[in-house]
Amino acid sequence: MALTEQFNAAAEKVKSLTKRPSDDEFLELYGLFKQATVGDNETSKPGMLDLKGKAKWEAWNKQKGKATDEAQKEYVAFVEGLVAKYA
């Protein structure tokens, strides 16, 4: 299976988890997903009062410089870990 197909399958698997991952795990998933699909974060940082937006921005920005295929591989591996833990 090609990496892109594995990535898309992993993105679908996340939706079928029976228990909710922690906030940190969600942020890690979000950052890797955005890096894999959009690339480096070039958006401006959300304001101080937008706590959720700021956390998501920082999670994505932490992945900056990572190649698309590397982010996809890490995302697939991270999802496999979550499936083993929460499915």
N, C-alpha and C. Protein backbone atom coordinates (compact mmCIF):
# COMPACT_ATOMS: atom_id res chain seq x y z
N MET A 1 0.85 -1.18 0.00
CA MET A 1 0.00 0.00 0.00
C MET A 1 0.90 1.25 0.00
N ALA A 2 0.57 2.20 -0.83
CA ALA A 2 1.36 3.43 -0.92
C ALA A 2 1.20 4.26 0.35
N LEU A 3 2.16 5.09 0.62
CA LEU A 3 2.16 5.91 1.84
C LEU A 3 0.91 6.78 1.93
N THR A 4 0.51 7.39 0.83
CA THR A 4 -0.67 8.25 0.85
C THR A 4 -1.92 7.44 1.20
N GLU A 5 -2.00 6.22 0.70
CA GLU A 5 -3.14 5.35 1.02
C GLU A 5 -3.13 4.97 2.50
N GLN A 6 -1.94 4.68 3.03
CA GLN A 6 -1.81 4.36 4.45
C GLN A 6 -2.23 5.56 5.30
N PHE A 7 -1.81 6.75 4.88
CA PHE A 7 -2.14 7.98 5.60
C PHE A 7 -3.66 8.19 5.62
N ASN A 8 -4.29 8.05 4.45
CA ASN A 8 -5.74 8.23 4.37
C ASN A 8 -6.49 7.18 5.19
N ALA A 9 -5.99 5.94 5.19
CA ALA A 9 -6.61 4.88 5.99
C ALA A 9 -6.46 5.19 7.48
N ALA A 10 -5.31 5.71 7.87
CA ALA A 10 -5.08 6.07 9.28
C ALA A 10 -6.01 7.20 9.69
N ALA A 11 -6.21 8.17 8.80
CA ALA A 11 -7.12 9.29 9.10
C ALA A 11 -8.54 8.78 9.33
N GLU A 12 -8.94 7.74 8.61
CA GLU A 12 -10.27 7.14 8.81
C GLU A 12 -10.32 6.33 10.10
N LYS A 13 -9.23 5.63 10.43
CA LYS A 13 -9.18 4.81 11.65
C LYS A 13 -9.38 5.67 12.90
N VAL A 14 -8.84 6.87 12.88
CA VAL A 14 -8.94 7.76 14.05
C VAL A 14 -10.40 8.01 14.40
N LYS A 15 -11.25 8.09 13.39
CA LYS A 15 -12.67 8.36 13.61
C LYS A 15 -13.38 7.20 14.29
N SER A 16 -12.78 6.01 14.28
CA SER A 16 -13.45 4.84 14.84
C SER A 16 -12.96 4.46 16.24
N LEU A 17 -12.16 5.31 16.86
CA LEU A 17 -11.69 5.00 18.22
C LEU A 17 -12.88 4.97 19.17
N THR A 18 -12.87 4.01 20.09
CA THR A 18 -13.99 3.87 21.02
C THR A 18 -13.84 4.75 22.26
N LYS A 19 -12.61 5.14 22.58
CA LYS A 19 -12.36 6.04 23.71
C LYS A 19 -11.67 7.29 23.20
N ARG A 20 -11.85 8.37 23.92
CA ARG A 20 -11.30 9.66 23.51
C ARG A 20 -9.83 9.77 23.91
N PRO A 21 -8.95 10.05 22.93
CA PRO A 21 -7.53 10.29 23.27
C PRO A 21 -7.38 11.55 24.10
N SER A 22 -6.24 11.70 24.75
CA SER A 22 -5.99 12.89 25.57
C SER A 22 -5.85 14.12 24.68
N ASP A 23 -5.93 15.29 25.28
CA ASP A 23 -5.77 16.54 24.54
C ASP A 23 -4.41 16.61 23.87
N ASP A 24 -3.37 16.17 24.56
CA ASP A 24 -2.02 16.18 23.99
C ASP A 24 -1.94 15.27 22.77
N GLU A 25 -2.60 14.11 22.85
CA GLU A 25 -2.60 13.19 21.71
C GLU A 25 -3.35 13.80 20.53
N PHE A 26 -4.48 14.48 20.82
CA PHE A 26 -5.22 15.15 19.76
C PHE A 26 -4.37 16.23 19.09
N LEU A 27 -3.65 16.99 19.90
CA LEU A 27 -2.81 18.05 19.34
C LEU A 27 -1.69 17.49 18.49
N GLU A 28 -1.11 16.38 18.93
CA GLU A 28 -0.06 15.72 18.14
C GLU A 28 -0.63 15.25 16.80
N LEU A 29 -1.81 14.63 16.84
CA LEU A 29 -2.48 14.20 15.62
C LEU A 29 -2.73 15.38 14.69
N TYR A 30 -3.25 16.45 15.25
CA TYR A 30 -3.57 17.64 14.47
C TYR A 30 -2.31 18.21 13.79
N GLY A 31 -1.25 18.37 14.56
CA GLY A 31 -0.02 18.93 14.02
C GLY A 31 0.56 18.09 12.90
N LEU A 32 0.59 16.77 13.09
CA LEU A 32 1.11 15.88 12.05
C LEU A 32 0.21 15.88 10.81
N PHE A 33 -1.11 15.89 11.04
CA PHE A 33 -2.05 15.90 9.92
C PHE A 33 -1.89 17.16 9.08
N LYS A 34 -1.83 18.31 9.74
CA LYS A 34 -1.70 19.58 9.02
C LYS A 34 -0.37 19.64 8.28
N GLN A 35 0.70 19.18 8.91
CA GLN A 35 2.01 19.20 8.26
C GLN A 35 2.01 18.29 7.03
N ALA A 36 1.34 17.15 7.16
CA ALA A 36 1.29 16.18 6.06
C ALA A 36 0.42 16.66 4.91
N THR A 37 -0.63 17.42 5.21
CA THR A 37 -1.57 17.82 4.16
C THR A 37 -1.33 19.24 3.64
N VAL A 38 -0.85 20.15 4.48
CA VAL A 38 -0.69 21.55 4.09
C VAL A 38 0.77 21.94 3.96
N GLY A 39 1.61 21.40 4.85
CA GLY A 39 3.02 21.78 4.89
C GLY A 39 3.28 22.71 6.06
N ASP A 40 4.35 23.49 5.98
CA ASP A 40 4.73 24.37 7.09
C ASP A 40 3.63 25.38 7.40
N ASN A 41 3.50 25.66 8.68
CA ASN A 41 2.53 26.63 9.17
C ASN A 41 3.00 28.04 8.82
N GLU A 42 2.28 28.70 7.93
CA GLU A 42 2.60 30.07 7.52
C GLU A 42 1.55 31.05 8.00
N THR A 43 0.62 30.60 8.85
CA THR A 43 -0.45 31.46 9.34
C THR A 43 0.05 32.26 10.54
N SER A 44 -0.64 33.35 10.84
CA SER A 44 -0.26 34.14 12.00
C SER A 44 -0.80 33.48 13.27
N LYS A 45 -0.07 33.67 14.35
CA LYS A 45 -0.44 33.05 15.62
C LYS A 45 -1.73 33.67 16.15
N PRO A 46 -2.67 32.82 16.61
CA PRO A 46 -3.92 33.35 17.16
C PRO A 46 -3.68 34.19 18.40
N GLY A 47 -4.65 35.01 18.72
CA GLY A 47 -4.56 35.90 19.87
C GLY A 47 -4.51 35.16 21.19
N MET A 48 -4.14 35.90 22.21
CA MET A 48 -3.95 35.35 23.55
C MET A 48 -5.23 34.72 24.11
N LEU A 49 -6.39 35.25 23.72
CA LEU A 49 -7.65 34.75 24.28
C LEU A 49 -8.19 33.52 23.55
N ASP A 50 -7.63 33.21 22.39
CA ASP A 50 -8.04 32.03 21.63
C ASP A 50 -7.17 30.85 22.04
N LEU A 51 -7.47 30.27 23.19
CA LEU A 51 -6.63 29.21 23.75
C LEU A 51 -6.60 27.96 22.87
N LYS A 52 -7.76 27.56 22.38
CA LYS A 52 -7.82 26.35 21.54
C LYS A 52 -7.07 26.58 20.22
N GLY A 53 -7.31 27.72 19.58
CA GLY A 53 -6.63 28.03 18.33
C GLY A 53 -5.12 28.14 18.52
N LYS A 54 -4.72 28.72 19.64
CA LYS A 54 -3.29 28.88 19.93
C LYS A 54 -2.63 27.51 20.13
N ALA A 55 -3.30 26.62 20.84
CA ALA A 55 -2.75 25.27 21.09
C ALA A 55 -2.61 24.51 19.77
N LYS A 56 -3.61 24.62 18.90
CA LYS A 56 -3.56 23.94 17.61
C LYS A 56 -2.45 24.55 16.74
N TRP A 57 -2.33 25.87 16.75
CA TRP A 57 -1.29 26.54 15.97
C TRP A 57 0.09 26.09 16.43
N GLU A 58 0.30 26.02 17.74
CA GLU A 58 1.60 25.61 18.28
C GLU A 58 1.90 24.15 17.96
N ALA A 59 0.88 23.28 18.00
CA ALA A 59 1.08 21.86 17.66
C ALA A 59 1.52 21.72 16.21
N TRP A 60 0.91 22.50 15.33
CA TRP A 60 1.26 22.45 13.91
C TRP A 60 2.64 23.07 13.70
N ASN A 61 2.89 24.19 14.34
CA ASN A 61 4.16 24.90 14.16
C ASN A 61 5.34 24.06 14.65
N LYS A 62 5.10 23.20 15.63
CA LYS A 62 6.14 22.31 16.17
C LYS A 62 6.66 21.34 15.10
N GLN A 63 5.85 21.08 14.09
CA GLN A 63 6.21 20.14 13.02
C GLN A 63 6.93 20.84 11.85
N LYS A 64 7.13 22.13 11.95
CA LYS A 64 7.69 22.93 10.86
C LYS A 64 9.01 22.33 10.35
N GLY A 65 9.14 22.32 9.02
CA GLY A 65 10.36 21.82 8.40
C GLY A 65 10.33 20.33 8.09
N LYS A 66 9.31 19.65 8.57
CA LYS A 66 9.20 18.21 8.34
C LYS A 66 8.61 17.97 6.95
N ALA A 67 9.21 17.07 6.20
CA ALA A 67 8.73 16.75 4.86
C ALA A 67 7.37 16.06 4.93
N THR A 68 6.60 16.20 3.86
CA THR A 68 5.26 15.62 3.80
C THR A 68 5.27 14.12 4.06
N ASP A 69 6.18 13.41 3.39
CA ASP A 69 6.19 11.94 3.57
C ASP A 69 6.62 11.55 4.98
N GLU A 70 7.52 12.31 5.57
CA GLU A 70 7.93 12.04 6.95
C GLU A 70 6.77 12.27 7.91
N ALA A 71 6.02 13.36 7.71
CA ALA A 71 4.86 13.65 8.56
C ALA A 71 3.79 12.57 8.38
N GLN A 72 3.60 12.10 7.15
CA GLN A 72 2.62 11.04 6.92
C GLN A 72 3.02 9.76 7.63
N LYS A 73 4.30 9.39 7.55
CA LYS A 73 4.79 8.18 8.22
C LYS A 73 4.58 8.28 9.74
N GLU A 74 4.93 9.44 10.31
CA GLU A 74 4.76 9.62 11.76
C GLU A 74 3.29 9.59 12.14
N TYR A 75 2.43 10.17 11.31
CA TYR A 75 1.00 10.17 11.58
C TYR A 75 0.46 8.74 11.60
N VAL A 76 0.83 7.96 10.58
CA VAL A 76 0.37 6.56 10.49
C VAL A 76 0.83 5.79 11.73
N ALA A 77 2.09 5.94 12.12
CA ALA A 77 2.62 5.23 13.29
C ALA A 77 1.91 5.69 14.56
N PHE A 78 1.65 6.99 14.69
CA PHE A 78 0.97 7.52 15.88
C PHE A 78 -0.46 6.99 15.97
N VAL A 79 -1.14 6.93 14.84
CA VAL A 79 -2.53 6.41 14.81
C VAL A 79 -2.53 4.94 15.20
N GLU A 80 -1.56 4.16 14.71
CA GLU A 80 -1.50 2.75 15.08
C GLU A 80 -1.37 2.60 16.60
N GLY A 81 -0.56 3.45 17.20
CA GLY A 81 -0.42 3.43 18.66
C GLY A 81 -1.72 3.77 19.37
N LEU A 82 -2.45 4.75 18.84
CA LEU A 82 -3.74 5.14 19.44
C LEU A 82 -4.78 4.03 19.27
N VAL A 83 -4.77 3.38 18.13
CA VAL A 83 -5.73 2.29 17.89
C VAL A 83 -5.46 1.16 18.88
N ALA A 84 -4.20 0.85 19.09
CA ALA A 84 -3.86 -0.20 20.05
C ALA A 84 -4.28 0.18 21.47
N LYS A 85 -4.22 1.46 21.77
CA LYS A 85 -4.51 1.95 23.11
C LYS A 85 -6.01 2.18 23.36
N TYR A 86 -6.73 2.68 22.34
CA TYR A 86 -8.11 3.12 22.55
C TYR A 86 -9.19 2.35 21.79
N ALA A 87 -8.83 1.43 20.91
CA ALA A 87 -9.86 0.75 20.11
C ALA A 87 -10.32 -0.52 20.79
